[in-house]
């Protein structure tokens, strides 16, 4: 059985990188973070299909500061950067990233924006990780933009 790649969305803050792995009903999840910036993921999906990938991240990370939250539809990994600061890209290599890696525009924050949007791992629950247990039955909540001044 050959390994496949799940879709991986990424976003960053000055102190962390967030990786959201889109893999519904994942089992046997393994996440490894190594100080020099190697991030490894493996899991089994539906029908026992194997999914795994390794990313050589742009900078060094703190393995003890890496946290994982598993939901029914995805796995969110919070990876702590060794030094605060904005990475110019996710990966060390300057080559075009693999097609399964995409920017998570819903969580993206520019360098000049406040980091206050997400400041602790308690906020992982607020990052769109939907375990389907809410009263909305897993429906995506969109605010009324007229009420919040978006239109």
C-alpha atoms as a PDB file:
ATOM      1  CA  UNK A   1       0.000   0.000   0.000  1.00  0.00           C
ATOM      2  CA  UNK A   2       1.590   3.268  -1.050  1.00  0.00           C
ATOM      3  CA  UNK A   3       1.491   6.348   1.102  1.00  0.00           C
ATOM      4  CA  UNK A   4      -0.555   9.379   0.123  1.00  0.00           C
ATOM      5  CA  UNK A   5      -0.405  13.017   1.198  1.00  0.00           C
ATOM      6  CA  UNK A   6      -3.260  14.744   3.011  1.00  0.00           C
ATOM      7  CA  UNK A   7      -3.932  18.423   2.352  1.00  0.00           C
ATOM      8  CA  UNK A   8      -1.893  20.538   4.800  1.00  0.00           C
ATOM      9  CA  UNK A   9      -2.787  24.173   5.478  1.00  0.00           C
ATOM     10  CA  UNK A  10      -0.289  26.413   7.258  1.00  0.00           C
ATOM     11  CA  UNK A  11      -0.229  29.813   8.919  1.00  0.00           C
ATOM     12  CA  UNK A  12       2.215  31.531  11.249  1.00  0.00           C
ATOM     13  CA  UNK A  13       2.527  33.930  14.133  1.00  0.00           C
ATOM     14  CA  UNK A  14       5.802  35.407  15.356  1.00  0.00           C
ATOM     15  CA  UNK A  15       6.234  32.559  17.856  1.00  0.00           C
ATOM     16  CA  UNK A  16       4.444  29.598  16.209  1.00  0.00           C
ATOM     17  CA  UNK A  17       3.565  27.857  12.981  1.00  0.00           C
ATOM     18  CA  UNK A  18       0.142  26.206  12.703  1.00  0.00           C
ATOM     19  CA  UNK A  19      -0.266  23.164  10.462  1.00  0.00           C
ATOM     20  CA  UNK A  20      -3.779  21.861   9.835  1.00  0.00           C
ATOM     21  CA  UNK A  21      -3.831  18.367   8.334  1.00  0.00           C
ATOM     22  CA  UNK A  22      -7.140  17.642   6.591  1.00  0.00           C
ATOM     23  CA  UNK A  23      -7.656  13.960   7.315  1.00  0.00           C
ATOM     24  CA  UNK A  24     -11.153  12.925   8.461  1.00  0.00           C
ATOM     25  CA  UNK A  25     -11.438  10.068  10.956  1.00  0.00           C
ATOM     26  CA  UNK A  26      -7.648   9.651  11.228  1.00  0.00           C
ATOM     27  CA  UNK A  27      -6.245   6.833  13.369  1.00  0.00           C
ATOM     28  CA  UNK A  28      -2.747   5.948  14.631  1.00  0.00           C
ATOM     29  CA  UNK A  29      -1.643   9.588  14.428  1.00  0.00           C
ATOM     30  CA  UNK A  30       2.051  10.248  14.993  1.00  0.00           C
ATOM     31  CA  UNK A  31       3.606  13.728  15.050  1.00  0.00           C
ATOM     32  CA  UNK A  32       7.318  14.295  15.625  1.00  0.00           C
ATOM     33  CA  UNK A  33       9.109  17.628  15.967  1.00  0.00           C
ATOM     34  CA  UNK A  34      12.908  17.783  15.935  1.00  0.00           C
ATOM     35  CA  UNK A  35      14.948  20.827  17.063  1.00  0.00           C
ATOM     36  CA  UNK A  36      16.577  21.498  13.679  1.00  0.00           C
ATOM     37  CA  UNK A  37      13.111  21.995  12.169  1.00  0.00           C
ATOM     38  CA  UNK A  38      12.078  18.561  10.960  1.00  0.00           C
ATOM     39  CA  UNK A  39       8.314  18.012  11.306  1.00  0.00           C
ATOM     40  CA  UNK A  40       7.034  14.486  10.597  1.00  0.00           C
ATOM     41  CA  UNK A  41       3.430  13.295  10.437  1.00  0.00           C
ATOM     42  CA  UNK A  42       1.872   9.899   9.834  1.00  0.00           C
ATOM     43  CA  UNK A  43      -1.627   8.507  10.254  1.00  0.00           C
ATOM     44  CA  UNK A  44      -4.090   6.022   8.847  1.00  0.00           C
ATOM     45  CA  UNK A  45      -7.156   7.352   7.097  1.00  0.00           C
ATOM     46  CA  UNK A  46     -10.412   5.698   6.103  1.00  0.00           C
ATOM     47  CA  UNK A  47     -10.089   2.128   4.798  1.00  0.00           C
ATOM     48  CA  UNK A  48      -6.626   1.959   6.412  1.00  0.00           C
ATOM     49  CA  UNK A  49      -4.870   4.121   3.803  1.00  0.00           C
ATOM     50  CA  UNK A  50      -1.487   5.382   5.040  1.00  0.00           C
ATOM     51  CA  UNK A  51      -0.699   9.085   4.977  1.00  0.00           C
ATOM     52  CA  UNK A  52       2.671  10.517   5.890  1.00  0.00           C
ATOM     53  CA  UNK A  53       4.955  13.425   5.157  1.00  0.00           C
ATOM     54  CA  UNK A  54       7.996  15.200   6.544  1.00  0.00           C
ATOM     55  CA  UNK A  55       8.675  18.918   6.278  1.00  0.00           C
ATOM     56  CA  UNK A  56      12.032  20.596   6.752  1.00  0.00           C
ATOM     57  CA  UNK A  57      10.800  23.838   8.267  1.00  0.00           C
ATOM     58  CA  UNK A  58      12.415  27.202   7.602  1.00  0.00           C
ATOM     59  CA  UNK A  59      13.850  27.584  11.109  1.00  0.00           C
ATOM     60  CA  UNK A  60      14.606  25.697  14.310  1.00  0.00           C
ATOM     61  CA  UNK A  61      11.750  24.669  16.595  1.00  0.00           C
ATOM     62  CA  UNK A  62      11.204  23.688  20.230  1.00  0.00           C
ATOM     63  CA  UNK A  63       9.987  20.047  20.307  1.00  0.00           C
ATOM     64  CA  UNK A  64       8.516  20.412  23.819  1.00  0.00           C
ATOM     65  CA  UNK A  65       6.448  23.367  22.573  1.00  0.00           C
ATOM     66  CA  UNK A  66       4.776  21.386  19.794  1.00  0.00           C
ATOM     67  CA  UNK A  67       1.128  20.544  20.499  1.00  0.00           C
ATOM     68  CA  UNK A  68      -1.407  18.507  18.542  1.00  0.00           C
ATOM     69  CA  UNK A  69      -5.212  18.619  18.702  1.00  0.00           C
ATOM     70  CA  UNK A  70      -7.182  15.909  16.924  1.00  0.00           C
ATOM     71  CA  UNK A  71     -10.708  16.466  15.623  1.00  0.00           C
ATOM     72  CA  UNK A  72     -13.050  14.392  13.498  1.00  0.00           C
ATOM     73  CA  UNK A  73     -12.082  16.154  10.269  1.00  0.00           C
ATOM     74  CA  UNK A  74      -8.545  17.418  10.834  1.00  0.00           C
ATOM     75  CA  UNK A  75      -5.484  17.526  13.057  1.00  0.00           C
ATOM     76  CA  UNK A  76      -4.070  20.905  14.115  1.00  0.00           C
ATOM     77  CA  UNK A  77      -0.409  21.058  15.068  1.00  0.00           C
ATOM     78  CA  UNK A  78       1.016  24.084  16.834  1.00  0.00           C
ATOM     79  CA  UNK A  79       4.790  24.213  16.334  1.00  0.00           C
ATOM     80  CA  UNK A  80       6.782  26.558  18.566  1.00  0.00           C
ATOM     81  CA  UNK A  81       9.580  28.484  16.844  1.00  0.00           C
ATOM     82  CA  UNK A  82      12.934  28.504  18.623  1.00  0.00           C
ATOM     83  CA  UNK A  83      13.267  32.244  18.028  1.00  0.00           C
ATOM     84  CA  UNK A  84      10.389  34.682  17.694  1.00  0.00           C
ATOM     85  CA  UNK A  85      10.177  36.257  14.290  1.00  0.00           C
ATOM     86  CA  UNK A  86       8.482  35.913  10.933  1.00  0.00           C
ATOM     87  CA  UNK A  87       9.670  33.240   8.549  1.00  0.00           C
ATOM     88  CA  UNK A  88       9.691  34.304   4.913  1.00  0.00           C
ATOM     89  CA  UNK A  89       8.327  30.870   3.973  1.00  0.00           C
ATOM     90  CA  UNK A  90       7.327  27.593   5.627  1.00  0.00           C
ATOM     91  CA  UNK A  91      10.102  25.385   4.290  1.00  0.00           C
ATOM     92  CA  UNK A  92      13.879  25.679   4.314  1.00  0.00           C
ATOM     93  CA  UNK A  93      14.090  24.992   0.591  1.00  0.00           C
ATOM     94  CA  UNK A  94      13.379  27.786  -1.882  1.00  0.00           C
ATOM     95  CA  UNK A  95      11.772  25.347  -4.306  1.00  0.00           C
ATOM     96  CA  UNK A  96       8.043  25.500  -4.905  1.00  0.00           C
ATOM     97  CA  UNK A  97       6.297  23.590  -2.080  1.00  0.00           C
ATOM     98  CA  UNK A  98       4.485  20.330  -2.755  1.00  0.00           C
ATOM     99  CA  UNK A  99       0.922  20.738  -4.079  1.00  0.00           C
ATOM    100  CA  UNK A 100      -0.583  19.364  -0.858  1.00  0.00           C
ATOM    101  CA  UNK A 101       0.847  22.348   1.121  1.00  0.00           C
ATOM    102  CA  UNK A 102      -1.334  25.453   1.067  1.00  0.00           C
ATOM    103  CA  UNK A 103      -1.570  28.715   2.976  1.00  0.00           C
ATOM    104  CA  UNK A 104      -4.402  28.783   5.492  1.00  0.00           C
ATOM    105  CA  UNK A 105      -5.802  32.221   4.723  1.00  0.00           C
ATOM    106  CA  UNK A 106      -8.423  31.844   7.483  1.00  0.00           C
ATOM    107  CA  UNK A 107      -5.672  31.799  10.105  1.00  0.00           C
ATOM    108  CA  UNK A 108      -3.120  33.955   8.326  1.00  0.00           C
ATOM    109  CA  UNK A 109      -1.806  37.036  10.115  1.00  0.00           C
ATOM    110  CA  UNK A 110       0.605  39.489   8.499  1.00  0.00           C
ATOM    111  CA  UNK A 111       3.795  40.487  10.271  1.00  0.00           C
ATOM    112  CA  UNK A 112       2.511  43.998  10.984  1.00  0.00           C
ATOM    113  CA  UNK A 113      -0.768  42.708  12.439  1.00  0.00           C
ATOM    114  CA  UNK A 114      -1.210  41.955  16.106  1.00  0.00           C
ATOM    115  CA  UNK A 115      -0.321  38.495  17.346  1.00  0.00           C
ATOM    116  CA  UNK A 116      -3.198  38.785  19.791  1.00  0.00           C
ATOM    117  CA  UNK A 117      -5.523  36.842  17.497  1.00  0.00           C
ATOM    118  CA  UNK A 118      -3.953  33.612  18.736  1.00  0.00           C
ATOM    119  CA  UNK A 119      -1.729  33.797  21.752  1.00  0.00           C
ATOM    120  CA  UNK A 120      -1.885  30.432  23.483  1.00  0.00           C
ATOM    121  CA  UNK A 121      -2.455  26.784  22.791  1.00  0.00           C
ATOM    122  CA  UNK A 122      -5.842  27.149  24.481  1.00  0.00           C
ATOM    123  CA  UNK A 123      -6.782  28.966  21.303  1.00  0.00           C
ATOM    124  CA  UNK A 124      -6.304  25.797  19.236  1.00  0.00           C
ATOM    125  CA  UNK A 125      -9.975  25.115  19.865  1.00  0.00           C
ATOM    126  CA  UNK A 126     -10.828  28.459  18.262  1.00  0.00           C
ATOM    127  CA  UNK A 127      -8.806  27.795  15.112  1.00  0.00           C
ATOM    128  CA  UNK A 128     -11.552  26.139  13.136  1.00  0.00           C
ATOM    129  CA  UNK A 129     -10.968  22.696  14.563  1.00  0.00           C
ATOM    130  CA  UNK A 130     -14.450  21.279  14.276  1.00  0.00           C
ATOM    131  CA  UNK A 131     -14.994  17.991  16.016  1.00  0.00           C
ATOM    132  CA  UNK A 132     -18.632  17.973  14.974  1.00  0.00           C
ATOM    133  CA  UNK A 133     -19.846  17.990  18.575  1.00  0.00           C
ATOM    134  CA  UNK A 134     -21.304  21.498  18.496  1.00  0.00           C
ATOM    135  CA  UNK A 135     -25.002  22.241  18.422  1.00  0.00           C
ATOM    136  CA  UNK A 136     -24.682  23.391  14.840  1.00  0.00           C
ATOM    137  CA  UNK A 137     -24.015  19.825  13.705  1.00  0.00           C
ATOM    138  CA  UNK A 138     -20.630  20.748  12.277  1.00  0.00           C
ATOM    139  CA  UNK A 139     -21.909  23.578  10.084  1.00  0.00           C
ATOM    140  CA  UNK A 140     -19.493  26.404   9.363  1.00  0.00           C
ATOM    141  CA  UNK A 141     -20.390  29.588  11.221  1.00  0.00           C
ATOM    142  CA  UNK A 142     -20.170  32.797   9.239  1.00  0.00           C
ATOM    143  CA  UNK A 143     -20.912  36.056  11.082  1.00  0.00           C
ATOM    144  CA  UNK A 144     -23.397  38.530   9.699  1.00  0.00           C
ATOM    145  CA  UNK A 145     -20.950  40.934   8.054  1.00  0.00           C
ATOM    146  CA  UNK A 146     -23.444  43.805   8.132  1.00  0.00           C
ATOM    147  CA  UNK A 147     -23.570  43.574  11.931  1.00  0.00           C
ATOM    148  CA  UNK A 148     -19.794  43.404  12.392  1.00  0.00           C
ATOM    149  CA  UNK A 149     -19.009  46.194   9.958  1.00  0.00           C
ATOM    150  CA  UNK A 150     -17.556  43.981   7.243  1.00  0.00           C
ATOM    151  CA  UNK A 151     -19.814  45.290   4.489  1.00  0.00           C
END
